[in-house]
């Protein structure tokens, strides 16, 4: 269902790339960039433009090549060997958020490598276009993650989080501080109780004296 489904899929075994040719293989080279380079050539990123690039055994790349790869992933640009002109590439690389990696490291993997393979395949399918794979795509049943399903129109949709997760997301979206959240809750409770502090206190799980104290703090903050 991806918009890239008809575009190139390029798989690279990083461990099999000769050390001296890694950069040219990944990023391409201009004519004369090295001995035997009789013509300009595209690298794997350019060949995968518009589609997907799978980098297998990524940890086998030398550190300098990994640093250059990181820049490509961050900026979406490559530079062929012996070229000073960056080239834009639109490539999807199967990456993970730090949160997803943390959960994967702590997960016991009762299904061993086959379970890992299945979860990663699921994550790649469910990840949003242009986004890295996050926890909810890998482990939809974990607490605090939203399940991803296919709706009647055949489109992927993510169920809204519930309870404290939904409240947290709403608070973060509105950029509210704890004081602002407390003020809003207290004022709403008092309004709904038509000014009856005892009733408002019961609604908030408080007694009247603590509510009166907090209500005074709300008024004091409003004066500031």
N, C-alpha and C. Protein backbone atom coordinates (compact mmCIF):
# COMPACT_ATOMS: atom_id res chain seq x y z
N UNK A 1 0.81 -1.22 0.00
CA UNK A 1 0.00 0.00 0.00
C UNK A 1 0.84 1.27 0.00
N UNK A 2 2.17 1.12 0.08
CA UNK A 2 3.04 2.29 0.08
C UNK A 2 3.04 2.96 -1.29
N UNK A 3 3.25 4.27 -1.29
CA UNK A 3 3.37 4.98 -2.56
C UNK A 3 4.66 4.62 -3.28
N UNK A 4 5.56 3.92 -2.59
CA UNK A 4 6.84 3.52 -3.19
C UNK A 4 6.79 2.10 -3.75
N UNK A 5 5.63 1.45 -3.72
CA UNK A 5 5.57 0.03 -4.05
C UNK A 5 6.03 -0.27 -5.47
N UNK A 6 5.89 0.68 -6.39
CA UNK A 6 6.32 0.44 -7.77
C UNK A 6 7.70 0.99 -8.07
N UNK A 7 8.36 1.50 -7.05
CA UNK A 7 9.68 2.11 -7.23
C UNK A 7 10.79 1.12 -6.88
N UNK A 8 12.05 1.46 -7.14
CA UNK A 8 13.15 0.50 -6.92
C UNK A 8 13.28 0.07 -5.46
N UNK A 9 13.66 -1.18 -5.28
CA UNK A 9 14.03 -1.71 -3.97
C UNK A 9 15.47 -2.22 -4.11
N UNK A 10 16.39 -1.55 -3.42
CA UNK A 10 17.82 -1.87 -3.55
C UNK A 10 18.33 -2.39 -2.21
N UNK A 11 18.83 -3.62 -2.21
CA UNK A 11 19.39 -4.24 -1.00
C UNK A 11 20.91 -4.22 -1.08
N UNK A 12 21.55 -3.83 0.02
CA UNK A 12 23.00 -3.73 0.07
C UNK A 12 23.52 -4.55 1.25
N UNK A 13 24.40 -5.50 0.97
CA UNK A 13 25.10 -6.23 2.04
C UNK A 13 26.37 -5.46 2.35
N UNK A 14 26.32 -4.63 3.39
CA UNK A 14 27.43 -3.74 3.70
C UNK A 14 28.71 -4.52 4.02
N UNK A 15 28.57 -5.72 4.58
CA UNK A 15 29.75 -6.51 4.94
C UNK A 15 30.49 -7.00 3.71
N UNK A 16 29.81 -7.07 2.57
CA UNK A 16 30.44 -7.59 1.35
C UNK A 16 31.07 -6.50 0.49
N UNK A 17 30.91 -5.23 0.87
CA UNK A 17 31.48 -4.15 0.07
C UNK A 17 32.98 -4.03 0.32
N UNK A 18 33.81 -4.00 -0.72
CA UNK A 18 35.25 -3.78 -0.51
C UNK A 18 35.49 -2.44 0.17
N UNK A 19 36.38 -2.43 1.15
CA UNK A 19 36.61 -1.22 1.94
C UNK A 19 36.90 0.01 1.12
N UNK A 20 37.71 -0.15 0.05
CA UNK A 20 38.11 1.00 -0.75
C UNK A 20 37.01 1.47 -1.70
N UNK A 21 35.95 0.70 -1.82
CA UNK A 21 34.88 1.06 -2.76
C UNK A 21 33.55 1.37 -2.08
N UNK A 22 33.56 1.38 -0.75
CA UNK A 22 32.30 1.56 -0.02
C UNK A 22 31.61 2.86 -0.41
N UNK A 23 32.35 3.97 -0.38
CA UNK A 23 31.72 5.27 -0.66
C UNK A 23 31.20 5.35 -2.08
N UNK A 24 31.98 4.84 -3.04
CA UNK A 24 31.53 4.91 -4.43
C UNK A 24 30.33 4.00 -4.64
N UNK A 25 30.29 2.86 -3.94
CA UNK A 25 29.16 1.95 -4.07
C UNK A 25 27.88 2.57 -3.52
N UNK A 26 28.00 3.26 -2.40
CA UNK A 26 26.82 3.85 -1.77
C UNK A 26 26.42 5.18 -2.41
N UNK A 27 27.40 6.04 -2.67
CA UNK A 27 27.10 7.41 -3.08
C UNK A 27 27.42 7.71 -4.54
N UNK A 28 28.13 6.79 -5.24
CA UNK A 28 28.47 7.04 -6.63
C UNK A 28 29.80 7.74 -6.79
N UNK A 29 30.25 7.88 -8.02
CA UNK A 29 31.56 8.51 -8.29
C UNK A 29 31.53 9.19 -9.64
N UNK A 30 32.28 10.27 -9.74
CA UNK A 30 32.43 10.96 -11.01
C UNK A 30 33.57 10.30 -11.81
N UNK A 31 33.61 10.58 -13.08
CA UNK A 31 34.66 10.05 -13.94
C UNK A 31 36.03 10.48 -13.42
N UNK A 32 36.94 9.52 -13.30
CA UNK A 32 38.29 9.82 -12.84
C UNK A 32 38.43 9.93 -11.34
N UNK A 33 37.40 9.60 -10.59
CA UNK A 33 37.45 9.72 -9.14
C UNK A 33 38.48 8.77 -8.53
N UNK A 34 38.72 7.65 -9.19
CA UNK A 34 39.73 6.69 -8.75
C UNK A 34 40.21 5.91 -9.96
N UNK A 35 41.27 5.20 -9.82
CA UNK A 35 41.83 4.43 -10.92
C UNK A 35 40.81 3.44 -11.47
N UNK A 36 40.57 3.53 -12.75
CA UNK A 36 39.61 2.64 -13.39
C UNK A 36 38.23 3.23 -13.52
N UNK A 37 38.00 4.42 -12.95
CA UNK A 37 36.69 5.07 -13.08
C UNK A 37 36.65 5.83 -14.39
N UNK A 38 36.33 5.11 -15.47
CA UNK A 38 36.33 5.73 -16.79
C UNK A 38 35.07 6.49 -17.12
N UNK A 39 34.06 6.37 -16.26
CA UNK A 39 32.80 7.07 -16.49
C UNK A 39 32.13 7.32 -15.14
N UNK A 40 31.26 8.32 -15.11
CA UNK A 40 30.50 8.59 -13.89
C UNK A 40 29.54 7.43 -13.64
N UNK A 41 29.33 7.10 -12.36
CA UNK A 41 28.43 6.01 -12.05
C UNK A 41 27.57 6.36 -10.83
N UNK A 42 26.37 5.85 -10.86
CA UNK A 42 25.45 6.06 -9.74
C UNK A 42 25.79 5.11 -8.60
N UNK A 43 25.54 5.59 -7.37
CA UNK A 43 25.66 4.72 -6.21
C UNK A 43 24.31 4.10 -5.88
N UNK A 44 24.28 3.32 -4.80
CA UNK A 44 23.05 2.62 -4.46
C UNK A 44 21.94 3.60 -4.07
N UNK A 45 22.30 4.72 -3.45
CA UNK A 45 21.28 5.70 -3.07
C UNK A 45 20.58 6.26 -4.30
N UNK A 46 21.34 6.61 -5.32
CA UNK A 46 20.73 7.15 -6.52
C UNK A 46 19.90 6.10 -7.24
N UNK A 47 20.36 4.87 -7.22
CA UNK A 47 19.62 3.79 -7.88
C UNK A 47 18.30 3.51 -7.18
N UNK A 48 18.26 3.80 -5.87
CA UNK A 48 17.02 3.57 -5.11
C UNK A 48 16.15 4.81 -5.04
N UNK A 49 16.50 5.88 -5.74
CA UNK A 49 15.77 7.14 -5.64
C UNK A 49 14.28 6.94 -5.91
N UNK A 50 13.47 7.42 -4.99
CA UNK A 50 12.03 7.26 -5.10
C UNK A 50 11.52 5.98 -4.47
N UNK A 51 12.44 5.08 -4.14
CA UNK A 51 12.05 3.78 -3.60
C UNK A 51 12.63 3.52 -2.23
N UNK A 52 13.13 2.29 -2.05
CA UNK A 52 13.58 1.83 -0.74
C UNK A 52 14.98 1.27 -0.82
N UNK A 53 15.80 1.59 0.17
CA UNK A 53 17.16 1.07 0.28
C UNK A 53 17.26 0.26 1.56
N UNK A 54 17.64 -1.02 1.45
CA UNK A 54 17.83 -1.86 2.63
C UNK A 54 19.32 -2.05 2.86
N UNK A 55 19.81 -1.59 4.01
CA UNK A 55 21.22 -1.69 4.36
C UNK A 55 21.40 -2.83 5.35
N UNK A 56 21.90 -3.97 4.87
CA UNK A 56 22.11 -5.14 5.72
C UNK A 56 23.52 -5.11 6.28
N UNK A 57 23.69 -5.60 7.51
CA UNK A 57 25.01 -5.63 8.18
C UNK A 57 25.62 -4.23 8.25
N UNK A 58 24.80 -3.27 8.62
CA UNK A 58 25.25 -1.87 8.65
C UNK A 58 26.43 -1.66 9.60
N UNK A 59 26.45 -2.43 10.69
CA UNK A 59 27.52 -2.26 11.67
C UNK A 59 28.89 -2.64 11.16
N UNK A 60 28.95 -3.29 10.00
CA UNK A 60 30.24 -3.68 9.42
C UNK A 60 30.90 -2.55 8.66
N UNK A 61 30.18 -1.46 8.42
CA UNK A 61 30.78 -0.33 7.71
C UNK A 61 31.84 0.34 8.58
N UNK A 62 32.95 0.81 8.01
CA UNK A 62 33.93 1.59 8.78
C UNK A 62 33.27 2.84 9.35
N UNK A 63 33.78 3.31 10.49
CA UNK A 63 33.16 4.46 11.15
C UNK A 63 33.09 5.71 10.26
N UNK A 64 34.13 6.04 9.49
CA UNK A 64 34.02 7.22 8.61
C UNK A 64 32.86 7.09 7.62
N UNK A 65 32.65 5.88 7.09
CA UNK A 65 31.54 5.68 6.16
C UNK A 65 30.20 5.80 6.88
N UNK A 66 30.13 5.35 8.13
CA UNK A 66 28.90 5.48 8.90
C UNK A 66 28.57 6.95 9.16
N UNK A 67 29.61 7.75 9.41
CA UNK A 67 29.39 9.19 9.64
C UNK A 67 28.84 9.86 8.39
N UNK A 68 29.37 9.50 7.22
CA UNK A 68 28.87 10.08 5.97
C UNK A 68 27.46 9.59 5.67
N UNK A 69 27.19 8.35 6.03
CA UNK A 69 25.85 7.81 5.84
C UNK A 69 24.85 8.55 6.71
N UNK A 70 25.23 8.88 7.94
CA UNK A 70 24.34 9.61 8.83
C UNK A 70 23.97 10.96 8.24
N UNK A 71 24.94 11.63 7.64
CA UNK A 71 24.66 12.93 7.03
C UNK A 71 23.65 12.78 5.88
N UNK A 72 23.80 11.73 5.10
CA UNK A 72 22.85 11.50 4.01
C UNK A 72 21.44 11.29 4.55
N UNK A 73 21.34 10.51 5.62
CA UNK A 73 20.03 10.23 6.19
C UNK A 73 19.40 11.48 6.79
N UNK A 74 20.23 12.36 7.35
CA UNK A 74 19.71 13.57 7.99
C UNK A 74 19.29 14.62 6.98
N UNK A 75 20.03 14.75 5.88
CA UNK A 75 19.81 15.85 4.95
C UNK A 75 19.22 15.42 3.61
N UNK A 76 19.20 14.10 3.34
CA UNK A 76 18.64 13.64 2.07
C UNK A 76 19.46 14.05 0.88
N UNK A 77 20.78 14.21 1.08
CA UNK A 77 21.68 14.59 -0.01
C UNK A 77 22.90 13.69 -0.02
N UNK A 78 23.41 13.42 -1.21
CA UNK A 78 24.65 12.67 -1.35
C UNK A 78 25.64 13.49 -2.17
N UNK A 79 26.89 13.14 -2.06
CA UNK A 79 27.92 13.70 -2.93
C UNK A 79 28.72 12.55 -3.52
N UNK A 80 28.72 12.45 -4.84
CA UNK A 80 29.55 11.44 -5.49
C UNK A 80 31.03 11.71 -5.21
N UNK A 81 31.82 10.68 -5.24
CA UNK A 81 33.26 10.86 -5.09
C UNK A 81 33.77 11.80 -6.18
N UNK A 82 34.65 12.72 -5.80
CA UNK A 82 35.26 13.70 -6.71
C UNK A 82 34.27 14.75 -7.19
N UNK A 83 33.12 14.85 -6.55
CA UNK A 83 32.14 15.87 -6.90
C UNK A 83 31.98 16.83 -5.73
N UNK A 84 31.70 18.08 -6.03
CA UNK A 84 31.46 19.08 -4.99
C UNK A 84 29.99 19.51 -4.96
N UNK A 85 29.19 18.90 -5.84
CA UNK A 85 27.78 19.28 -5.93
C UNK A 85 26.91 18.22 -5.26
N UNK A 86 26.18 18.58 -4.21
CA UNK A 86 25.28 17.60 -3.59
C UNK A 86 24.11 17.27 -4.50
N UNK A 87 23.62 16.07 -4.38
CA UNK A 87 22.47 15.61 -5.15
C UNK A 87 21.37 15.16 -4.20
N UNK A 88 20.16 15.65 -4.42
CA UNK A 88 19.03 15.26 -3.60
C UNK A 88 18.59 13.84 -3.95
N UNK A 89 18.31 13.04 -2.93
CA UNK A 89 17.77 11.70 -3.15
C UNK A 89 16.56 11.50 -2.23
N UNK A 90 15.55 10.85 -2.77
CA UNK A 90 14.33 10.56 -2.00
C UNK A 90 14.29 9.05 -1.78
N UNK A 91 14.86 8.62 -0.68
CA UNK A 91 15.00 7.19 -0.42
C UNK A 91 14.46 6.86 0.96
N UNK A 92 13.69 5.78 1.03
CA UNK A 92 13.25 5.27 2.33
C UNK A 92 14.27 4.25 2.83
N UNK A 93 14.81 4.40 4.04
CA UNK A 93 15.74 3.46 4.66
C UNK A 93 15.00 2.89 5.90
N UNK A 94 14.92 1.60 6.07
CA UNK A 94 14.24 0.95 7.22
C UNK A 94 14.92 1.22 8.53
N UNK A 95 14.62 2.42 9.22
CA UNK A 95 15.25 2.86 10.47
C UNK A 95 14.29 2.74 11.64
N UNK A 96 14.80 2.91 12.96
CA UNK A 96 14.01 2.77 14.17
C UNK A 96 14.24 3.97 15.09
N UNK A 97 13.22 4.35 15.83
CA UNK A 97 13.40 5.39 16.83
C UNK A 97 14.21 4.83 17.99
N UNK A 98 14.80 5.72 18.77
CA UNK A 98 15.56 5.28 19.95
C UNK A 98 14.67 4.52 20.92
N UNK A 99 13.42 4.96 21.05
CA UNK A 99 12.48 4.29 21.95
C UNK A 99 12.22 2.86 21.49
N UNK A 100 12.06 2.67 20.17
CA UNK A 100 11.84 1.32 19.64
C UNK A 100 13.05 0.44 19.89
N UNK A 101 14.25 0.98 19.70
CA UNK A 101 15.46 0.20 19.92
C UNK A 101 15.59 -0.20 21.39
N UNK A 102 15.24 0.71 22.29
CA UNK A 102 15.31 0.39 23.73
C UNK A 102 14.38 -0.77 24.07
N UNK A 103 13.16 -0.74 23.53
CA UNK A 103 12.21 -1.81 23.83
C UNK A 103 12.68 -3.12 23.21
N UNK A 104 13.23 -3.07 22.01
CA UNK A 104 13.71 -4.28 21.36
C UNK A 104 14.87 -4.91 22.14
N UNK A 105 15.72 -4.08 22.73
CA UNK A 105 16.84 -4.61 23.52
C UNK A 105 16.36 -5.29 24.80
N UNK A 106 15.28 -4.80 25.36
CA UNK A 106 14.80 -5.35 26.63
C UNK A 106 13.81 -6.48 26.44
N UNK A 107 13.31 -6.69 25.23
CA UNK A 107 12.32 -7.74 24.96
C UNK A 107 13.01 -9.10 24.96
N UNK A 108 12.40 -10.15 25.57
CA UNK A 108 13.07 -11.46 25.69
C UNK A 108 13.10 -12.29 24.41
N UNK A 109 12.31 -11.94 23.38
CA UNK A 109 12.30 -12.65 22.10
C UNK A 109 12.07 -14.14 22.27
N UNK A 110 10.91 -14.54 22.80
CA UNK A 110 10.62 -15.98 22.93
C UNK A 110 10.55 -16.70 21.59
N UNK A 111 10.25 -15.96 20.52
CA UNK A 111 10.19 -16.58 19.20
C UNK A 111 11.51 -16.51 18.44
N UNK A 112 12.56 -16.08 19.12
CA UNK A 112 13.91 -16.01 18.53
C UNK A 112 13.94 -15.15 17.25
N UNK A 113 14.83 -15.48 16.33
CA UNK A 113 15.06 -14.62 15.18
C UNK A 113 13.85 -14.54 14.26
N UNK A 114 13.04 -15.61 14.22
CA UNK A 114 11.85 -15.57 13.36
C UNK A 114 10.85 -14.52 13.87
N UNK A 115 10.71 -14.40 15.18
CA UNK A 115 9.84 -13.38 15.75
C UNK A 115 10.38 -11.99 15.44
N UNK A 116 11.69 -11.82 15.56
CA UNK A 116 12.32 -10.54 15.23
C UNK A 116 12.04 -10.18 13.77
N UNK A 117 12.21 -11.14 12.89
CA UNK A 117 11.97 -10.90 11.46
C UNK A 117 10.53 -10.49 11.20
N UNK A 118 9.59 -11.18 11.83
CA UNK A 118 8.17 -10.87 11.62
C UNK A 118 7.80 -9.49 12.15
N UNK A 119 8.35 -9.14 13.33
CA UNK A 119 8.03 -7.83 13.90
C UNK A 119 8.60 -6.70 13.06
N UNK A 120 9.82 -6.89 12.56
CA UNK A 120 10.41 -5.83 11.74
C UNK A 120 9.64 -5.69 10.43
N UNK A 121 9.23 -6.81 9.85
CA UNK A 121 8.43 -6.74 8.63
C UNK A 121 7.13 -6.00 8.89
N UNK A 122 6.50 -6.29 10.03
CA UNK A 122 5.27 -5.58 10.40
C UNK A 122 5.53 -4.09 10.57
N UNK A 123 6.65 -3.77 11.25
CA UNK A 123 6.96 -2.37 11.49
C UNK A 123 7.17 -1.58 10.22
N UNK A 124 7.85 -2.19 9.25
CA UNK A 124 8.10 -1.51 7.96
C UNK A 124 6.78 -1.28 7.23
N UNK A 125 5.87 -2.25 7.31
CA UNK A 125 4.58 -2.11 6.64
C UNK A 125 3.73 -1.01 7.27
N UNK A 126 3.74 -0.95 8.59
CA UNK A 126 2.83 -0.04 9.29
C UNK A 126 3.40 1.36 9.51
N UNK A 127 4.70 1.53 9.38
CA UNK A 127 5.30 2.85 9.62
C UNK A 127 4.75 3.88 8.64
N UNK A 128 4.52 5.08 9.13
CA UNK A 128 4.02 6.16 8.28
C UNK A 128 5.06 6.54 7.24
N UNK A 129 4.61 7.05 6.12
CA UNK A 129 5.50 7.44 5.04
C UNK A 129 6.52 8.47 5.51
N UNK A 130 7.79 8.18 5.28
CA UNK A 130 8.84 9.10 5.66
C UNK A 130 9.23 9.07 7.12
N UNK A 131 8.60 8.20 7.91
CA UNK A 131 8.88 8.13 9.35
C UNK A 131 9.64 6.86 9.68
N UNK A 132 10.37 6.90 10.81
CA UNK A 132 11.06 5.71 11.28
C UNK A 132 10.08 4.81 12.03
N UNK A 133 10.47 3.55 12.21
CA UNK A 133 9.62 2.57 12.89
C UNK A 133 9.65 2.86 14.39
N UNK A 134 8.47 2.98 15.00
CA UNK A 134 8.38 3.27 16.43
C UNK A 134 7.78 2.07 17.17
N UNK A 135 7.67 2.21 18.49
CA UNK A 135 7.25 1.10 19.34
C UNK A 135 5.87 0.57 18.95
N UNK A 136 4.92 1.48 18.67
CA UNK A 136 3.55 1.03 18.42
C UNK A 136 3.42 0.22 17.14
N UNK A 137 4.36 0.38 16.19
CA UNK A 137 4.32 -0.47 15.01
C UNK A 137 4.87 -1.87 15.30
N UNK A 138 5.82 -1.95 16.22
CA UNK A 138 6.44 -3.24 16.54
C UNK A 138 5.65 -4.01 17.58
N UNK A 139 5.22 -3.31 18.64
CA UNK A 139 4.55 -3.96 19.77
C UNK A 139 3.22 -3.27 20.06
N UNK A 140 2.21 -3.49 19.24
CA UNK A 140 0.94 -2.75 19.41
C UNK A 140 0.19 -3.09 20.68
N UNK A 141 0.54 -4.21 21.35
CA UNK A 141 -0.18 -4.59 22.56
C UNK A 141 0.49 -4.09 23.83
N UNK A 142 1.65 -3.45 23.73
CA UNK A 142 2.30 -2.92 24.92
C UNK A 142 1.47 -1.79 25.52
N UNK A 143 1.44 -1.64 26.85
CA UNK A 143 0.73 -0.52 27.46
C UNK A 143 1.27 0.81 26.95
N UNK A 144 0.33 1.71 26.62
CA UNK A 144 0.75 3.04 26.17
C UNK A 144 0.99 3.13 24.68
N UNK A 145 0.78 2.03 23.93
CA UNK A 145 0.95 2.09 22.48
C UNK A 145 -0.42 1.95 21.83
N UNK A 146 -0.59 2.62 20.71
CA UNK A 146 -1.87 2.59 20.01
C UNK A 146 -1.87 1.49 18.96
N UNK A 147 -2.92 0.69 18.92
CA UNK A 147 -3.00 -0.39 17.95
C UNK A 147 -3.20 0.17 16.55
N UNK A 148 -2.58 -0.49 15.56
CA UNK A 148 -2.71 -0.10 14.17
C UNK A 148 -3.55 -1.16 13.46
N UNK A 149 -4.60 -0.72 12.76
CA UNK A 149 -5.50 -1.65 12.08
C UNK A 149 -5.74 -1.19 10.66
N UNK A 150 -6.42 -2.02 9.89
CA UNK A 150 -6.82 -1.67 8.53
C UNK A 150 -8.31 -1.40 8.55
N UNK A 151 -8.72 -0.22 8.08
CA UNK A 151 -10.14 0.13 8.12
C UNK A 151 -10.89 -0.45 6.92
N UNK A 152 -12.18 -0.15 6.82
CA UNK A 152 -13.01 -0.72 5.77
C UNK A 152 -12.56 -0.30 4.38
N UNK A 153 -11.89 0.84 4.29
CA UNK A 153 -11.41 1.32 2.99
C UNK A 153 -10.05 0.75 2.62
N UNK A 154 -9.51 -0.12 3.50
CA UNK A 154 -8.22 -0.71 3.21
C UNK A 154 -7.05 0.18 3.57
N UNK A 155 -7.31 1.22 4.37
CA UNK A 155 -6.26 2.14 4.78
C UNK A 155 -5.82 1.86 6.20
N UNK A 156 -4.53 2.07 6.47
CA UNK A 156 -4.02 1.89 7.82
C UNK A 156 -4.49 3.04 8.71
N UNK A 157 -4.91 2.72 9.92
CA UNK A 157 -5.28 3.76 10.86
C UNK A 157 -4.86 3.33 12.25
N UNK A 158 -4.52 4.31 13.08
CA UNK A 158 -4.04 4.04 14.43
C UNK A 158 -5.12 4.43 15.42
N UNK A 159 -5.49 3.50 16.29
CA UNK A 159 -6.52 3.78 17.29
C UNK A 159 -6.02 4.85 18.25
N UNK A 160 -6.94 5.69 18.67
CA UNK A 160 -6.57 6.76 19.59
C UNK A 160 -6.19 6.17 20.95
N UNK A 161 -5.13 6.69 21.59
CA UNK A 161 -4.77 6.22 22.92
C UNK A 161 -5.86 6.58 23.91
N UNK A 162 -5.92 5.84 25.02
CA UNK A 162 -6.97 6.07 26.00
C UNK A 162 -6.38 6.40 27.35
N UNK A 163 -7.26 6.85 28.27
CA UNK A 163 -6.85 7.07 29.64
C UNK A 163 -5.75 8.11 29.78
N UNK A 164 -4.78 7.75 30.62
CA UNK A 164 -3.71 8.69 30.94
C UNK A 164 -2.86 9.04 29.71
N UNK A 165 -2.73 8.09 28.77
CA UNK A 165 -1.95 8.38 27.57
C UNK A 165 -2.60 9.49 26.75
N UNK A 166 -3.92 9.41 26.59
CA UNK A 166 -4.63 10.43 25.83
C UNK A 166 -4.53 11.78 26.53
N UNK A 167 -4.65 11.78 27.86
CA UNK A 167 -4.55 13.02 28.63
C UNK A 167 -3.16 13.62 28.46
N UNK A 168 -2.14 12.79 28.59
CA UNK A 168 -0.76 13.29 28.44
C UNK A 168 -0.54 13.89 27.06
N UNK A 169 -1.00 13.19 26.02
CA UNK A 169 -0.83 13.69 24.65
C UNK A 169 -1.52 15.03 24.48
N UNK A 170 -2.72 15.18 25.06
CA UNK A 170 -3.48 16.42 24.93
C UNK A 170 -2.78 17.56 25.66
N UNK A 171 -2.25 17.27 26.86
CA UNK A 171 -1.53 18.29 27.62
C UNK A 171 -0.29 18.75 26.88
N UNK A 172 0.45 17.79 26.30
CA UNK A 172 1.65 18.14 25.55
C UNK A 172 1.32 18.96 24.30
N UNK A 173 0.22 18.57 23.63
CA UNK A 173 -0.17 19.28 22.42
C UNK A 173 -0.56 20.72 22.72
N UNK A 174 -1.20 20.93 23.87
CA UNK A 174 -1.62 22.27 24.25
C UNK A 174 -0.52 23.06 24.95
N UNK A 175 0.61 22.40 25.21
CA UNK A 175 1.76 23.04 25.85
C UNK A 175 1.38 23.63 27.21
N UNK A 176 0.68 22.83 28.01
CA UNK A 176 0.25 23.28 29.33
C UNK A 176 1.27 22.90 30.40
N UNK A 177 1.48 23.79 31.36
CA UNK A 177 2.31 23.46 32.52
C UNK A 177 1.45 22.73 33.54
N UNK A 178 2.09 22.16 34.57
CA UNK A 178 1.33 21.49 35.62
C UNK A 178 0.41 22.46 36.35
N UNK A 179 0.92 23.67 36.61
CA UNK A 179 0.09 24.67 37.28
C UNK A 179 -1.13 25.03 36.44
N UNK A 180 -0.92 25.20 35.13
CA UNK A 180 -2.03 25.55 34.25
C UNK A 180 -3.05 24.42 34.19
N UNK A 181 -2.56 23.17 34.20
CA UNK A 181 -3.47 22.03 34.18
C UNK A 181 -4.29 21.97 35.46
N UNK A 182 -3.63 22.17 36.60
CA UNK A 182 -4.33 22.16 37.89
C UNK A 182 -5.37 23.28 37.95
N UNK A 183 -4.98 24.49 37.51
CA UNK A 183 -5.91 25.62 37.53
C UNK A 183 -7.15 25.31 36.69
N UNK A 184 -6.93 24.73 35.50
CA UNK A 184 -8.05 24.44 34.61
C UNK A 184 -9.00 23.42 35.23
N UNK A 185 -8.44 22.37 35.86
CA UNK A 185 -9.28 21.34 36.48
C UNK A 185 -10.11 21.91 37.63
N UNK A 186 -9.46 22.71 38.46
CA UNK A 186 -10.16 23.27 39.62
C UNK A 186 -11.26 24.22 39.18
N UNK A 187 -10.94 25.11 38.25
CA UNK A 187 -11.94 26.07 37.79
C UNK A 187 -13.13 25.37 37.11
N UNK A 188 -12.84 24.32 36.33
CA UNK A 188 -13.92 23.59 35.68
C UNK A 188 -14.81 22.89 36.70
N UNK A 189 -14.18 22.29 37.73
CA UNK A 189 -14.96 21.58 38.76
C UNK A 189 -15.86 22.55 39.51
N UNK A 190 -15.35 23.73 39.83
CA UNK A 190 -16.15 24.72 40.57
C UNK A 190 -17.29 25.22 39.70
N UNK A 191 -17.04 25.47 38.42
CA UNK A 191 -18.10 25.94 37.52
C UNK A 191 -19.20 24.88 37.38
N UNK A 192 -18.79 23.63 37.21
CA UNK A 192 -19.80 22.57 37.04
C UNK A 192 -20.60 22.33 38.31
N UNK A 193 -20.01 22.67 39.44
CA UNK A 193 -20.73 22.52 40.71
C UNK A 193 -21.48 23.80 41.07
N UNK A 194 -21.55 24.76 40.12
CA UNK A 194 -22.24 26.03 40.34
C UNK A 194 -21.73 26.76 41.57
N UNK A 195 -20.42 26.69 41.80
CA UNK A 195 -19.82 27.40 42.92
C UNK A 195 -19.86 26.67 44.24
N UNK A 196 -20.43 25.48 44.25
CA UNK A 196 -20.51 24.70 45.49
C UNK A 196 -19.16 24.00 45.70
N UNK A 197 -18.36 24.54 46.64
CA UNK A 197 -17.01 24.02 46.82
C UNK A 197 -17.00 22.59 47.36
N UNK A 198 -17.96 22.24 48.20
CA UNK A 198 -18.03 20.88 48.73
C UNK A 198 -18.26 19.88 47.59
N UNK A 199 -19.18 20.22 46.68
CA UNK A 199 -19.46 19.33 45.55
C UNK A 199 -18.27 19.26 44.60
N UNK A 200 -17.64 20.41 44.36
CA UNK A 200 -16.47 20.44 43.48
C UNK A 200 -15.33 19.60 44.08
N UNK A 201 -15.16 19.69 45.39
CA UNK A 201 -14.12 18.92 46.07
C UNK A 201 -14.38 17.43 45.92
N UNK A 202 -15.63 17.01 46.09
CA UNK A 202 -15.96 15.59 45.95
C UNK A 202 -15.67 15.10 44.53
N UNK A 203 -15.97 15.94 43.53
CA UNK A 203 -15.73 15.56 42.14
C UNK A 203 -14.24 15.35 41.86
N UNK A 204 -13.39 16.11 42.57
CA UNK A 204 -11.95 16.02 42.39
C UNK A 204 -11.29 15.04 43.35
N UNK A 205 -12.08 14.41 44.20
CA UNK A 205 -11.52 13.48 45.16
C UNK A 205 -10.81 14.16 46.31
N UNK A 206 -11.25 15.38 46.64
CA UNK A 206 -10.66 16.16 47.72
C UNK A 206 -11.71 16.45 48.78
N UNK A 207 -11.25 16.99 49.89
CA UNK A 207 -12.17 17.58 50.87
C UNK A 207 -12.17 19.08 50.62
N UNK A 208 -13.09 19.78 51.29
CA UNK A 208 -13.23 21.21 51.00
C UNK A 208 -12.00 22.04 51.38
N UNK A 209 -11.36 21.82 52.54
CA UNK A 209 -10.21 22.67 52.89
C UNK A 209 -9.07 22.63 51.86
N UNK A 210 -8.63 21.44 51.38
CA UNK A 210 -7.57 21.43 50.37
C UNK A 210 -8.00 22.13 49.08
N UNK A 211 -9.29 21.96 48.71
CA UNK A 211 -9.77 22.63 47.50
C UNK A 211 -9.73 24.14 47.68
N UNK A 212 -10.16 24.61 48.85
CA UNK A 212 -10.15 26.06 49.10
C UNK A 212 -8.72 26.60 49.01
N UNK A 213 -7.77 25.86 49.55
CA UNK A 213 -6.38 26.28 49.51
C UNK A 213 -5.89 26.35 48.06
N UNK A 214 -6.20 25.32 47.29
CA UNK A 214 -5.76 25.30 45.89
C UNK A 214 -6.46 26.37 45.07
N UNK A 215 -7.72 26.63 45.38
CA UNK A 215 -8.46 27.66 44.67
C UNK A 215 -7.85 29.03 44.93
N UNK A 216 -7.39 29.25 46.15
CA UNK A 216 -6.73 30.51 46.47
C UNK A 216 -5.43 30.65 45.68
N UNK A 217 -4.70 29.53 45.53
CA UNK A 217 -3.47 29.54 44.70
C UNK A 217 -3.80 29.90 43.26
N UNK A 218 -4.91 29.39 42.76
CA UNK A 218 -5.33 29.72 41.38
C UNK A 218 -5.54 31.22 41.25
N UNK A 219 -6.20 31.81 42.24
CA UNK A 219 -6.49 33.26 42.22
C UNK A 219 -5.20 34.07 42.33
N UNK A 220 -4.29 33.58 43.18
CA UNK A 220 -3.02 34.29 43.35
C UNK A 220 -2.21 34.27 42.04
N UNK A 221 -2.20 33.11 41.37
CA UNK A 221 -1.47 33.02 40.10
C UNK A 221 -2.08 33.90 39.04
N UNK A 222 -3.44 34.02 39.10
CA UNK A 222 -4.13 34.87 38.11
C UNK A 222 -3.74 36.34 38.31
N UNK A 223 -3.49 36.76 39.58
CA UNK A 223 -3.09 38.13 39.83
C UNK A 223 -1.69 38.42 39.31
N UNK A 224 -0.83 37.38 39.37
CA UNK A 224 0.54 37.55 38.89
C UNK A 224 0.57 37.72 37.37
